[in-house]
N, C-alpha and C. Protein backbone atom coordinates (compact mmCIF):
# COMPACT_ATOMS: atom_id res chain seq x y z
N MET A 1 -39.97 23.16 47.02
CA MET A 1 -38.95 22.16 47.33
C MET A 1 -38.64 22.11 48.79
N GLU A 2 -38.64 21.12 49.39
CA GLU A 2 -38.37 20.87 50.95
C GLU A 2 -36.85 20.75 51.09
N LEU A 3 -36.37 21.42 52.08
CA LEU A 3 -35.00 21.17 52.41
C LEU A 3 -34.71 19.86 53.11
N ASP A 4 -33.59 19.29 52.72
CA ASP A 4 -33.19 18.02 53.20
C ASP A 4 -32.63 18.38 54.76
N ASP A 5 -33.22 17.47 55.71
CA ASP A 5 -32.78 17.63 57.09
C ASP A 5 -31.34 17.37 57.32
N SER A 6 -30.58 16.58 56.36
CA SER A 6 -29.20 16.28 56.54
C SER A 6 -28.28 17.32 55.93
N LEU A 7 -28.96 18.36 55.40
CA LEU A 7 -28.15 19.34 54.58
C LEU A 7 -27.03 20.05 55.55
N THR A 8 -25.83 20.01 55.03
CA THR A 8 -24.82 20.77 55.54
C THR A 8 -24.26 21.84 54.66
N ILE A 9 -23.81 22.96 55.25
CA ILE A 9 -23.37 23.97 54.52
C ILE A 9 -22.06 24.45 55.05
N SER A 10 -20.97 24.42 54.24
CA SER A 10 -19.69 24.82 54.75
C SER A 10 -19.53 26.26 55.04
N PRO A 11 -18.52 26.77 55.83
CA PRO A 11 -18.34 28.16 56.03
C PRO A 11 -18.23 28.93 54.67
N ALA A 12 -17.47 28.35 53.76
CA ALA A 12 -17.28 29.00 52.57
C ALA A 12 -18.50 29.12 51.69
N GLU A 13 -19.43 28.08 51.84
CA GLU A 13 -20.65 28.17 51.09
C GLU A 13 -21.62 29.29 51.70
N TRP A 14 -21.49 29.36 53.09
CA TRP A 14 -22.35 30.52 53.75
C TRP A 14 -21.85 31.79 53.30
N GLU A 15 -20.50 32.06 52.96
CA GLU A 15 -19.95 33.22 52.48
C GLU A 15 -20.59 33.54 51.18
N ILE A 16 -20.59 32.50 50.22
CA ILE A 16 -21.22 32.70 48.90
C ILE A 16 -22.73 33.08 48.98
N MET A 17 -23.46 32.34 49.81
CA MET A 17 -24.86 32.55 50.07
C MET A 17 -25.11 33.92 50.54
N ARG A 18 -24.28 34.50 51.43
CA ARG A 18 -24.49 35.98 52.02
C ARG A 18 -24.37 36.84 50.89
N VAL A 19 -23.44 36.71 49.92
CA VAL A 19 -23.26 37.67 48.89
C VAL A 19 -24.59 37.44 47.83
N ILE A 20 -24.91 36.32 47.63
CA ILE A 20 -26.15 36.15 46.74
C ILE A 20 -27.29 36.79 47.34
N TRP A 21 -27.44 36.49 48.69
CA TRP A 21 -28.85 37.26 49.37
C TRP A 21 -28.68 38.68 49.28
N THR A 22 -27.49 39.19 49.33
CA THR A 22 -27.22 40.64 49.26
C THR A 22 -27.57 41.14 47.95
N LEU A 23 -27.00 40.51 46.87
CA LEU A 23 -27.11 41.04 45.50
C LEU A 23 -28.38 40.67 44.91
N LYS A 24 -29.13 39.79 45.50
CA LYS A 24 -30.40 39.22 44.89
C LYS A 24 -29.92 38.32 43.71
N GLU A 25 -30.44 38.57 42.56
CA GLU A 25 -30.09 37.83 41.27
C GLU A 25 -28.79 38.38 40.86
N SER A 26 -27.81 37.62 40.55
CA SER A 26 -26.54 38.09 40.13
C SER A 26 -25.78 37.06 39.22
N THR A 27 -24.84 37.63 38.43
CA THR A 27 -23.99 36.69 37.65
C THR A 27 -22.90 36.04 38.43
N SER A 28 -22.26 35.15 37.90
CA SER A 28 -21.07 34.58 38.57
C SER A 28 -19.98 35.69 38.65
N LYS A 29 -19.83 36.54 37.67
CA LYS A 29 -18.75 37.58 37.64
C LYS A 29 -18.98 38.48 38.86
N GLU A 30 -20.35 38.93 39.10
CA GLU A 30 -20.73 39.85 40.10
C GLU A 30 -20.32 39.18 41.43
N ILE A 31 -20.74 37.91 41.64
CA ILE A 31 -20.50 37.14 42.91
C ILE A 31 -18.95 37.11 43.06
N ILE A 32 -18.20 36.70 42.02
CA ILE A 32 -16.74 36.60 42.21
C ILE A 32 -16.16 37.87 42.55
N ASP A 33 -16.52 38.91 41.99
CA ASP A 33 -16.02 40.33 42.40
C ASP A 33 -16.22 40.66 43.82
N GLN A 34 -17.36 40.42 44.32
CA GLN A 34 -17.77 40.69 45.64
C GLN A 34 -17.13 39.78 46.71
N VAL A 35 -17.09 38.47 46.38
CA VAL A 35 -16.30 37.47 47.22
C VAL A 35 -14.83 37.90 47.46
N GLN A 36 -14.23 38.19 46.24
CA GLN A 36 -12.80 38.50 46.23
C GLN A 36 -12.52 39.74 46.85
N MET A 37 -13.34 40.63 47.25
CA MET A 37 -13.09 41.86 47.99
C MET A 37 -12.85 41.43 49.46
N LYS A 38 -13.48 40.41 49.90
CA LYS A 38 -13.23 39.91 51.26
C LYS A 38 -12.25 38.67 51.55
N ASN A 39 -12.27 37.83 50.43
CA ASN A 39 -11.59 36.59 50.51
C ASN A 39 -10.60 36.41 49.33
N ASN A 40 -9.42 35.92 49.49
CA ASN A 40 -8.33 35.64 48.49
C ASN A 40 -8.69 34.28 47.85
N TRP A 41 -9.88 34.22 47.17
CA TRP A 41 -10.29 32.95 46.72
C TRP A 41 -10.14 33.16 45.11
N SER A 42 -9.75 32.07 44.31
CA SER A 42 -9.66 32.10 42.87
C SER A 42 -11.03 31.91 42.37
N ASP A 43 -11.16 32.41 41.11
CA ASP A 43 -12.44 32.27 40.40
C ASP A 43 -12.89 30.88 40.42
N SER A 44 -12.14 29.96 40.14
CA SER A 44 -12.47 28.50 40.08
C SER A 44 -12.93 28.07 41.34
N THR A 45 -12.39 28.45 42.42
CA THR A 45 -12.88 28.01 43.78
C THR A 45 -14.30 28.58 44.12
N ILE A 46 -14.57 29.73 43.61
CA ILE A 46 -15.86 30.37 43.83
C ILE A 46 -16.91 29.57 42.89
N LYS A 47 -16.45 29.32 41.69
CA LYS A 47 -17.40 28.63 40.76
C LYS A 47 -17.71 27.27 41.29
N THR A 48 -16.79 26.54 41.91
CA THR A 48 -16.97 25.27 42.46
C THR A 48 -17.97 25.42 43.59
N LEU A 49 -17.81 26.38 44.38
CA LEU A 49 -18.78 26.59 45.58
C LEU A 49 -20.19 26.85 44.97
N LEU A 50 -20.33 27.63 43.92
CA LEU A 50 -21.57 27.85 43.31
C LEU A 50 -22.25 26.58 42.70
N ARG A 51 -21.31 25.71 42.11
CA ARG A 51 -21.91 24.53 41.68
C ARG A 51 -22.36 23.51 42.78
N ARG A 52 -21.55 23.60 44.00
CA ARG A 52 -22.01 22.80 45.17
C ARG A 52 -23.33 23.24 45.66
N LEU A 53 -23.55 24.58 45.75
CA LEU A 53 -24.82 25.09 46.28
C LEU A 53 -25.90 24.79 45.34
N ASP A 54 -25.68 24.86 43.92
CA ASP A 54 -26.69 24.51 43.12
C ASP A 54 -27.08 22.97 43.21
N LYS A 55 -26.01 22.17 43.42
CA LYS A 55 -26.28 20.81 43.41
C LYS A 55 -27.13 20.46 44.81
N LYS A 56 -27.03 21.16 45.87
CA LYS A 56 -27.59 21.02 47.08
C LYS A 56 -29.10 21.65 46.97
N GLY A 57 -29.46 22.20 45.92
CA GLY A 57 -30.74 22.68 45.69
C GLY A 57 -30.88 24.04 46.41
N LEU A 58 -29.93 24.84 46.64
CA LEU A 58 -29.99 26.09 47.32
C LEU A 58 -30.16 27.31 46.28
N LEU A 59 -29.69 27.03 45.05
CA LEU A 59 -29.61 28.18 44.08
C LEU A 59 -30.51 27.85 42.90
N SER A 60 -30.99 28.81 42.29
CA SER A 60 -31.62 28.78 40.96
C SER A 60 -30.69 29.33 40.09
N VAL A 61 -30.23 28.53 38.88
CA VAL A 61 -29.30 28.96 38.03
C VAL A 61 -29.88 29.09 36.63
N LYS A 62 -29.66 30.23 36.01
CA LYS A 62 -30.18 30.47 34.63
C LYS A 62 -29.06 30.68 33.68
N LYS A 63 -29.02 30.04 32.62
CA LYS A 63 -27.76 30.38 31.71
C LYS A 63 -28.38 31.48 30.65
N GLU A 64 -27.53 32.62 30.63
CA GLU A 64 -27.86 33.54 29.66
C GLU A 64 -26.74 33.77 28.70
N SER A 65 -26.70 33.32 27.43
CA SER A 65 -25.67 33.30 26.39
C SER A 65 -24.38 32.61 27.11
N HIS A 66 -23.37 33.43 27.39
CA HIS A 66 -22.19 32.83 27.94
C HIS A 66 -22.10 33.10 29.45
N ARG A 67 -23.19 33.55 30.19
CA ARG A 67 -23.02 33.75 31.46
C ARG A 67 -23.95 32.85 32.22
N PHE A 68 -23.76 32.69 33.53
CA PHE A 68 -24.79 32.10 34.45
C PHE A 68 -25.25 33.13 35.44
N ARG A 69 -26.68 33.13 35.73
CA ARG A 69 -27.25 33.99 36.58
C ARG A 69 -27.84 33.25 37.79
N TYR A 70 -27.44 33.64 39.06
CA TYR A 70 -27.69 32.88 40.19
C TYR A 70 -28.70 33.64 41.08
N GLU A 71 -29.60 32.89 41.76
CA GLU A 71 -30.47 33.41 42.69
C GLU A 71 -30.85 32.40 43.91
N ALA A 72 -30.75 32.91 45.10
CA ALA A 72 -31.08 31.98 46.10
C ALA A 72 -32.57 31.50 46.10
N ILE A 73 -32.72 30.06 46.30
CA ILE A 73 -34.01 29.54 46.20
C ILE A 73 -34.76 29.99 47.65
N TYR A 74 -34.05 29.94 48.64
CA TYR A 74 -34.46 30.19 50.08
C TYR A 74 -33.91 31.44 50.54
N GLY A 75 -34.68 32.19 51.33
CA GLY A 75 -34.31 33.46 51.91
C GLY A 75 -33.26 33.21 53.09
N GLU A 76 -32.43 34.10 53.40
CA GLU A 76 -31.46 33.94 54.49
C GLU A 76 -32.16 33.49 55.83
N ASN A 77 -33.18 34.11 56.22
CA ASN A 77 -33.83 33.75 57.37
C ASN A 77 -34.37 32.37 57.47
N GLU A 78 -35.08 32.03 56.21
CA GLU A 78 -35.70 30.66 56.15
C GLU A 78 -34.46 29.50 56.23
N LEU A 79 -33.41 29.78 55.53
CA LEU A 79 -32.33 28.73 55.50
C LEU A 79 -31.75 28.71 56.93
N MET A 80 -31.41 29.82 57.48
CA MET A 80 -30.80 29.80 58.77
C MET A 80 -31.78 29.05 59.81
N TYR A 81 -33.11 29.43 59.66
CA TYR A 81 -34.08 28.75 60.62
C TYR A 81 -33.96 27.27 60.44
N LYS A 82 -33.91 26.69 59.10
CA LYS A 82 -33.91 25.32 58.91
C LYS A 82 -32.71 24.62 59.45
N VAL A 83 -31.59 25.16 59.12
CA VAL A 83 -30.31 24.67 59.59
C VAL A 83 -30.18 24.65 61.15
N THR A 84 -30.55 25.74 61.79
CA THR A 84 -30.47 25.99 63.17
C THR A 84 -31.32 25.08 63.82
N SER A 85 -32.58 25.04 63.37
CA SER A 85 -33.62 24.07 63.95
C SER A 85 -33.07 22.60 63.89
N ASN A 86 -32.64 22.18 62.79
CA ASN A 86 -32.10 20.87 62.71
C ASN A 86 -30.89 20.67 63.66
N LEU A 87 -30.03 21.53 63.70
CA LEU A 87 -28.97 21.46 64.66
C LEU A 87 -29.49 21.31 66.19
N LEU A 88 -30.37 22.11 66.52
CA LEU A 88 -30.96 22.17 67.97
C LEU A 88 -31.62 20.74 68.20
N SER A 89 -32.11 20.22 67.17
CA SER A 89 -32.91 18.86 67.34
C SER A 89 -32.05 17.84 67.94
N HIS A 90 -30.69 18.03 67.77
CA HIS A 90 -29.75 17.07 68.13
C HIS A 90 -29.26 17.33 69.63
N MET A 91 -29.80 18.40 70.26
CA MET A 91 -29.37 18.84 71.60
C MET A 91 -30.58 18.47 72.56
N CYS A 92 -30.09 18.12 73.83
CA CYS A 92 -31.08 17.81 74.91
C CYS A 92 -31.86 19.08 75.21
N ASP A 93 -33.28 18.81 75.15
CA ASP A 93 -34.09 20.10 75.48
C ASP A 93 -33.82 20.77 76.75
N MET A 94 -33.32 19.98 77.68
CA MET A 94 -32.91 20.56 79.13
C MET A 94 -31.81 21.82 78.86
N HIS A 95 -31.12 21.73 77.84
CA HIS A 95 -29.82 22.60 77.78
C HIS A 95 -30.12 23.81 76.82
N LYS A 96 -31.20 23.85 76.03
CA LYS A 96 -31.48 24.77 75.06
C LYS A 96 -31.62 26.17 75.59
N GLY A 97 -32.26 26.31 76.70
CA GLY A 97 -32.40 27.66 77.40
C GLY A 97 -31.02 28.16 77.69
N ALA A 98 -30.13 27.31 78.16
CA ALA A 98 -28.83 27.95 78.65
C ALA A 98 -28.00 28.29 77.39
N LEU A 99 -28.14 27.61 76.26
CA LEU A 99 -27.48 27.91 75.02
C LEU A 99 -28.07 29.33 74.49
N LEU A 100 -29.24 29.53 74.54
CA LEU A 100 -29.77 30.82 74.13
C LEU A 100 -29.23 31.98 75.00
N GLU A 101 -29.18 31.81 76.35
CA GLU A 101 -28.58 32.73 77.25
C GLU A 101 -27.20 33.12 76.85
N ARG A 102 -26.47 32.02 76.58
CA ARG A 102 -25.01 32.16 76.14
C ARG A 102 -24.92 32.89 74.97
N LEU A 103 -25.78 32.71 74.00
CA LEU A 103 -25.66 33.48 72.70
C LEU A 103 -26.15 34.82 72.66
N LEU A 104 -27.18 35.10 73.45
CA LEU A 104 -27.73 36.45 73.48
C LEU A 104 -26.78 37.55 73.65
N PRO A 105 -25.93 37.50 74.58
CA PRO A 105 -24.91 38.60 74.77
C PRO A 105 -23.99 38.83 73.48
N GLU A 106 -23.76 37.82 72.77
CA GLU A 106 -22.87 37.93 71.51
C GLU A 106 -23.75 38.51 70.42
N MET A 107 -24.94 38.53 70.35
CA MET A 107 -25.67 39.00 69.28
C MET A 107 -25.98 40.51 69.22
N GLN A 108 -25.94 41.10 68.08
CA GLN A 108 -26.20 42.46 67.96
C GLN A 108 -27.65 42.58 67.50
N LEU A 109 -28.50 43.20 68.28
CA LEU A 109 -29.85 43.19 68.14
C LEU A 109 -30.50 44.62 68.00
N PHE A 110 -31.42 44.92 67.21
CA PHE A 110 -32.12 46.03 67.22
C PHE A 110 -33.09 46.06 68.35
N LYS A 111 -33.59 47.40 68.77
CA LYS A 111 -34.39 47.47 69.83
C LYS A 111 -35.82 46.71 69.48
N LYS A 112 -36.17 46.81 68.32
CA LYS A 112 -37.44 46.15 67.82
C LYS A 112 -37.22 44.57 68.04
N ASP A 113 -36.03 44.01 67.61
CA ASP A 113 -35.84 42.57 67.90
C ASP A 113 -36.01 42.24 69.34
N ILE A 114 -35.33 43.08 70.18
CA ILE A 114 -35.43 42.91 71.71
C ILE A 114 -36.87 42.86 72.09
N GLU A 115 -37.60 43.83 71.75
CA GLU A 115 -39.07 44.01 72.04
C GLU A 115 -39.85 42.72 71.64
N GLU A 116 -39.56 42.21 70.46
CA GLU A 116 -40.24 40.96 69.93
C GLU A 116 -39.89 39.97 70.72
N LEU A 117 -38.57 39.71 71.15
CA LEU A 117 -38.10 38.58 71.91
C LEU A 117 -38.74 38.66 73.35
N GLU A 118 -38.85 39.82 73.88
CA GLU A 118 -39.41 40.03 75.21
C GLU A 118 -40.89 39.56 75.09
N SER A 119 -41.60 39.89 74.20
CA SER A 119 -42.99 39.57 73.97
C SER A 119 -43.12 38.14 73.79
N GLU A 120 -42.27 37.49 72.97
CA GLU A 120 -42.29 35.99 72.90
C GLU A 120 -42.11 35.28 74.11
N LEU A 121 -41.07 35.78 74.76
CA LEU A 121 -40.82 35.08 76.07
C LEU A 121 -41.94 35.32 77.15
N THR A 122 -42.41 36.38 77.07
CA THR A 122 -43.59 36.72 78.04
C THR A 122 -44.76 35.63 77.81
N LYS A 123 -45.04 35.41 76.62
CA LYS A 123 -46.07 34.62 76.12
C LYS A 123 -45.73 33.14 76.59
N LYS A 124 -44.48 32.71 76.30
CA LYS A 124 -44.04 31.27 76.51
C LYS A 124 -44.11 31.19 78.20
N ALA A 125 -43.67 32.18 78.91
CA ALA A 125 -43.69 32.17 80.42
C ALA A 125 -45.02 31.71 80.99
N ILE A 126 -46.09 31.96 80.35
CA ILE A 126 -47.44 31.63 80.90
C ILE A 126 -47.62 30.26 80.87
N THR A 127 -47.15 29.39 79.93
CA THR A 127 -47.34 27.93 79.82
C THR A 127 -46.12 27.18 80.17
N ALA A 128 -45.08 27.82 80.44
CA ALA A 128 -43.77 27.09 80.53
C ALA A 128 -43.78 26.31 81.76
N PRO A 129 -43.27 25.11 81.71
CA PRO A 129 -43.17 24.20 82.98
C PRO A 129 -42.07 24.61 83.77
N ASP A 130 -41.91 24.27 85.03
CA ASP A 130 -40.78 24.62 85.99
C ASP A 130 -39.54 23.92 85.48
N LYS A 131 -39.72 22.78 84.86
CA LYS A 131 -38.50 22.04 84.45
C LYS A 131 -38.78 21.47 83.09
N VAL A 132 -37.93 21.43 82.16
CA VAL A 132 -38.15 20.84 80.72
C VAL A 132 -37.68 19.46 80.79
N PRO A 133 -38.51 18.49 80.36
CA PRO A 133 -37.99 17.13 80.46
C PRO A 133 -36.95 16.82 79.50
N CYS A 134 -36.08 15.90 79.93
CA CYS A 134 -34.88 15.38 79.25
C CYS A 134 -35.41 14.71 78.07
N ASN A 135 -34.87 14.71 76.80
CA ASN A 135 -35.22 13.99 75.67
C ASN A 135 -34.07 13.28 75.06
N CYS A 136 -32.89 12.95 75.87
CA CYS A 136 -31.87 12.29 75.36
C CYS A 136 -31.88 10.74 75.81
N LEU A 137 -31.26 10.40 76.86
CA LEU A 137 -31.27 8.92 77.30
C LEU A 137 -32.40 8.95 78.36
N HIS A 138 -33.19 7.70 78.36
CA HIS A 138 -34.11 7.39 79.27
C HIS A 138 -33.59 7.38 80.71
N ASP A 139 -34.18 8.30 81.57
CA ASP A 139 -33.87 8.35 83.09
C ASP A 139 -32.41 8.64 83.28
N MET A 140 -31.74 9.39 82.32
CA MET A 140 -30.30 9.68 82.60
C MET A 140 -30.06 11.13 82.93
N CYS A 141 -30.90 12.04 82.73
CA CYS A 141 -30.59 13.50 83.06
C CYS A 141 -30.95 13.77 84.49
């Protein structure tokens, strides 16, 4: 199933997804218990969020007697990549590097992550232009 490019996910829905990714396959009760440890949300609010995520095609839902069992259809990295990539597609290419520079100091990274980023940047530097062309308004940047 292909993700819709216009997909939006609310902060509350992200909270639910993080719990589901962590628990893997889980019942609504397990999800509710975990979410309520962090947020003061009612059972019905959490169930509404689960229904929304199912309707958006992000969850696999199986009914087992009187329970529902939920599992994420997309992994955390895959969904974050798709949503972030879609968001960045609305930004002028000339400003993406500056955004990454601004985000990096705020990110907590493992040494391995940093090494992989350095390697990827080294590869990109070989063919990188001196200036990235503007992709917003014609002759305006």
